[in-house]
């Protein structure tokens, strides 16, 4: 399963992950560590860092990009922060920069 499909499944199953990339990443890494044969509850930080450095677990920027793209394409996967960023905050910055809204 590719990263985008995994992220899509998690955003559908657990709506609270839509607004928190850190929690989204940890959910994915938890599952990946189990697949790799590690006990996610007892893995030393150094072991996890080695897995990350060797690309054995999905890199955080890839997860974040997949989440952002999915939320851009599918309104049902968007969290509350999406609307704050794209609505209120975006309009505020457009106004400050002198763009007509």
C-alpha atoms as a PDB file:
ATOM      1  CA  UNK A   1       0.000   0.000   0.000  1.00  0.00           C
ATOM      2  CA  UNK A   2       1.421   3.416  -0.863  1.00  0.00           C
ATOM      3  CA  UNK A   3       1.673   6.346   1.530  1.00  0.00           C
ATOM      4  CA  UNK A   4      -1.273   8.213   0.057  1.00  0.00           C
ATOM      5  CA  UNK A   5      -3.581   5.194   0.449  1.00  0.00           C
ATOM      6  CA  UNK A   6      -2.440   4.582   4.027  1.00  0.00           C
ATOM      7  CA  UNK A   7      -2.971   8.234   4.953  1.00  0.00           C
ATOM      8  CA  UNK A   8      -6.392   8.231   3.281  1.00  0.00           C
ATOM      9  CA  UNK A   9      -7.473   5.180   5.266  1.00  0.00           C
ATOM     10  CA  UNK A  10      -6.321   6.719   8.541  1.00  0.00           C
ATOM     11  CA  UNK A  11      -8.016  10.071   7.842  1.00  0.00           C
ATOM     12  CA  UNK A  12     -11.267   8.201   7.171  1.00  0.00           C
ATOM     13  CA  UNK A  13     -10.965   5.923  10.221  1.00  0.00           C
ATOM     14  CA  UNK A  14      -9.704   8.519  12.697  1.00  0.00           C
ATOM     15  CA  UNK A  15     -10.967  12.053  11.960  1.00  0.00           C
ATOM     16  CA  UNK A  16      -8.914  13.544  14.816  1.00  0.00           C
ATOM     17  CA  UNK A  17      -5.762  12.841  12.765  1.00  0.00           C
ATOM     18  CA  UNK A  18      -6.879  15.313  10.078  1.00  0.00           C
ATOM     19  CA  UNK A  19      -5.522  18.250  12.069  1.00  0.00           C
ATOM     20  CA  UNK A  20      -2.430  16.716  13.659  1.00  0.00           C
ATOM     21  CA  UNK A  21       0.491  15.618  11.485  1.00  0.00           C
ATOM     22  CA  UNK A  22       2.466  14.432  14.511  1.00  0.00           C
ATOM     23  CA  UNK A  23      -0.259  12.006  15.572  1.00  0.00           C
ATOM     24  CA  UNK A  24      -0.754  10.917  11.961  1.00  0.00           C
ATOM     25  CA  UNK A  25       2.958  10.134  11.614  1.00  0.00           C
ATOM     26  CA  UNK A  26       3.082   8.202  14.872  1.00  0.00           C
ATOM     27  CA  UNK A  27       0.086   6.076  13.854  1.00  0.00           C
ATOM     28  CA  UNK A  28       1.792   5.151  10.609  1.00  0.00           C
ATOM     29  CA  UNK A  29       5.158   4.490  12.275  1.00  0.00           C
ATOM     30  CA  UNK A  30       3.493   2.353  14.945  1.00  0.00           C
ATOM     31  CA  UNK A  31       2.014   0.079  12.275  1.00  0.00           C
ATOM     32  CA  UNK A  32       5.263  -0.002  10.297  1.00  0.00           C
ATOM     33  CA  UNK A  33       7.324  -0.946  13.349  1.00  0.00           C
ATOM     34  CA  UNK A  34       4.975  -3.844  14.080  1.00  0.00           C
ATOM     35  CA  UNK A  35       5.362  -5.039  10.484  1.00  0.00           C
ATOM     36  CA  UNK A  36       9.151  -4.802  10.846  1.00  0.00           C
ATOM     37  CA  UNK A  37       9.001  -7.007  13.936  1.00  0.00           C
ATOM     38  CA  UNK A  38       9.560  -4.353  16.617  1.00  0.00           C
ATOM     39  CA  UNK A  39       7.458  -3.860  19.713  1.00  0.00           C
ATOM     40  CA  UNK A  40       6.399  -0.215  19.290  1.00  0.00           C
ATOM     41  CA  UNK A  41       5.963   0.116  23.061  1.00  0.00           C
ATOM     42  CA  UNK A  42       9.512  -0.975  23.854  1.00  0.00           C
ATOM     43  CA  UNK A  43      11.690   0.186  20.965  1.00  0.00           C
ATOM     44  CA  UNK A  44      14.706   2.258  22.033  1.00  0.00           C
ATOM     45  CA  UNK A  45      14.814   5.736  20.508  1.00  0.00           C
ATOM     46  CA  UNK A  46      18.146   4.961  18.866  1.00  0.00           C
ATOM     47  CA  UNK A  47      16.622   1.967  17.069  1.00  0.00           C
ATOM     48  CA  UNK A  48      13.747   4.081  15.795  1.00  0.00           C
ATOM     49  CA  UNK A  49      16.143   6.812  14.652  1.00  0.00           C
ATOM     50  CA  UNK A  50      18.167   4.231  12.713  1.00  0.00           C
ATOM     51  CA  UNK A  51      14.985   2.944  11.055  1.00  0.00           C
ATOM     52  CA  UNK A  52      14.070   6.505  10.110  1.00  0.00           C
ATOM     53  CA  UNK A  53      17.555   7.342   8.828  1.00  0.00           C
ATOM     54  CA  UNK A  54      17.620   4.182   6.696  1.00  0.00           C
ATOM     55  CA  UNK A  55      14.150   4.927   5.248  1.00  0.00           C
ATOM     56  CA  UNK A  56      12.687   1.781   6.800  1.00  0.00           C
ATOM     57  CA  UNK A  57       9.715   3.826   8.017  1.00  0.00           C
ATOM     58  CA  UNK A  58       7.888   6.460   5.994  1.00  0.00           C
ATOM     59  CA  UNK A  59       9.488   9.872   6.288  1.00  0.00           C
ATOM     60  CA  UNK A  60       7.424  12.559   8.011  1.00  0.00           C
ATOM     61  CA  UNK A  61       7.516  15.016   5.072  1.00  0.00           C
ATOM     62  CA  UNK A  62       6.078  12.326   2.779  1.00  0.00           C
ATOM     63  CA  UNK A  63       3.220  11.690   5.190  1.00  0.00           C
ATOM     64  CA  UNK A  64       2.522  15.402   5.542  1.00  0.00           C
ATOM     65  CA  UNK A  65       2.551  15.971   1.773  1.00  0.00           C
ATOM     66  CA  UNK A  66       0.184  13.038   1.225  1.00  0.00           C
ATOM     67  CA  UNK A  67      -2.199  14.394   3.879  1.00  0.00           C
ATOM     68  CA  UNK A  68      -2.130  17.893   2.378  1.00  0.00           C
ATOM     69  CA  UNK A  69      -2.762  16.616  -1.154  1.00  0.00           C
ATOM     70  CA  UNK A  70      -5.624  14.369  -0.033  1.00  0.00           C
ATOM     71  CA  UNK A  71      -7.257  17.232   1.862  1.00  0.00           C
ATOM     72  CA  UNK A  72      -6.855  19.512  -1.133  1.00  0.00           C
ATOM     73  CA  UNK A  73      -8.570  16.967  -3.389  1.00  0.00           C
ATOM     74  CA  UNK A  74     -11.230  15.623  -1.019  1.00  0.00           C
ATOM     75  CA  UNK A  75     -13.314  17.988   1.127  1.00  0.00           C
ATOM     76  CA  UNK A  76     -14.465  15.089   3.320  1.00  0.00           C
ATOM     77  CA  UNK A  77     -10.917  14.498   4.580  1.00  0.00           C
ATOM     78  CA  UNK A  78     -10.361  18.083   5.676  1.00  0.00           C
ATOM     79  CA  UNK A  79     -10.058  18.993   9.325  1.00  0.00           C
ATOM     80  CA  UNK A  80     -10.982  22.218  11.097  1.00  0.00           C
ATOM     81  CA  UNK A  81      -7.503  23.698  10.651  1.00  0.00           C
ATOM     82  CA  UNK A  82      -7.806  23.427   6.870  1.00  0.00           C
ATOM     83  CA  UNK A  83     -10.735  25.839   6.833  1.00  0.00           C
ATOM     84  CA  UNK A  84      -9.032  28.218   9.245  1.00  0.00           C
ATOM     85  CA  UNK A  85      -5.892  28.306   7.072  1.00  0.00           C
ATOM     86  CA  UNK A  86      -7.690  28.508   3.738  1.00  0.00           C
ATOM     87  CA  UNK A  87     -10.480  30.795   4.883  1.00  0.00           C
ATOM     88  CA  UNK A  88      -9.827  33.281   7.626  1.00  0.00           C
ATOM     89  CA  UNK A  89      -6.010  33.290   7.573  1.00  0.00           C
ATOM     90  CA  UNK A  90      -5.766  33.364   3.782  1.00  0.00           C
ATOM     91  CA  UNK A  91      -8.205  36.260   3.468  1.00  0.00           C
ATOM     92  CA  UNK A  92      -6.349  38.173   6.191  1.00  0.00           C
ATOM     93  CA  UNK A  93      -3.028  37.817   4.349  1.00  0.00           C
ATOM     94  CA  UNK A  94      -4.559  38.700   0.991  1.00  0.00           C
ATOM     95  CA  UNK A  95      -5.946  41.850   2.543  1.00  0.00           C
ATOM     96  CA  UNK A  96      -2.592  42.761   4.123  1.00  0.00           C
ATOM     97  CA  UNK A  97      -0.826  42.223   0.788  1.00  0.00           C
ATOM     98  CA  UNK A  98      -3.327  44.453  -1.033  1.00  0.00           C
ATOM     99  CA  UNK A  99      -5.127  41.820  -3.072  1.00  0.00           C
ATOM    100  CA  UNK A 100      -8.821  42.296  -3.729  1.00  0.00           C
ATOM    101  CA  UNK A 101     -10.871  39.637  -2.048  1.00  0.00           C
END
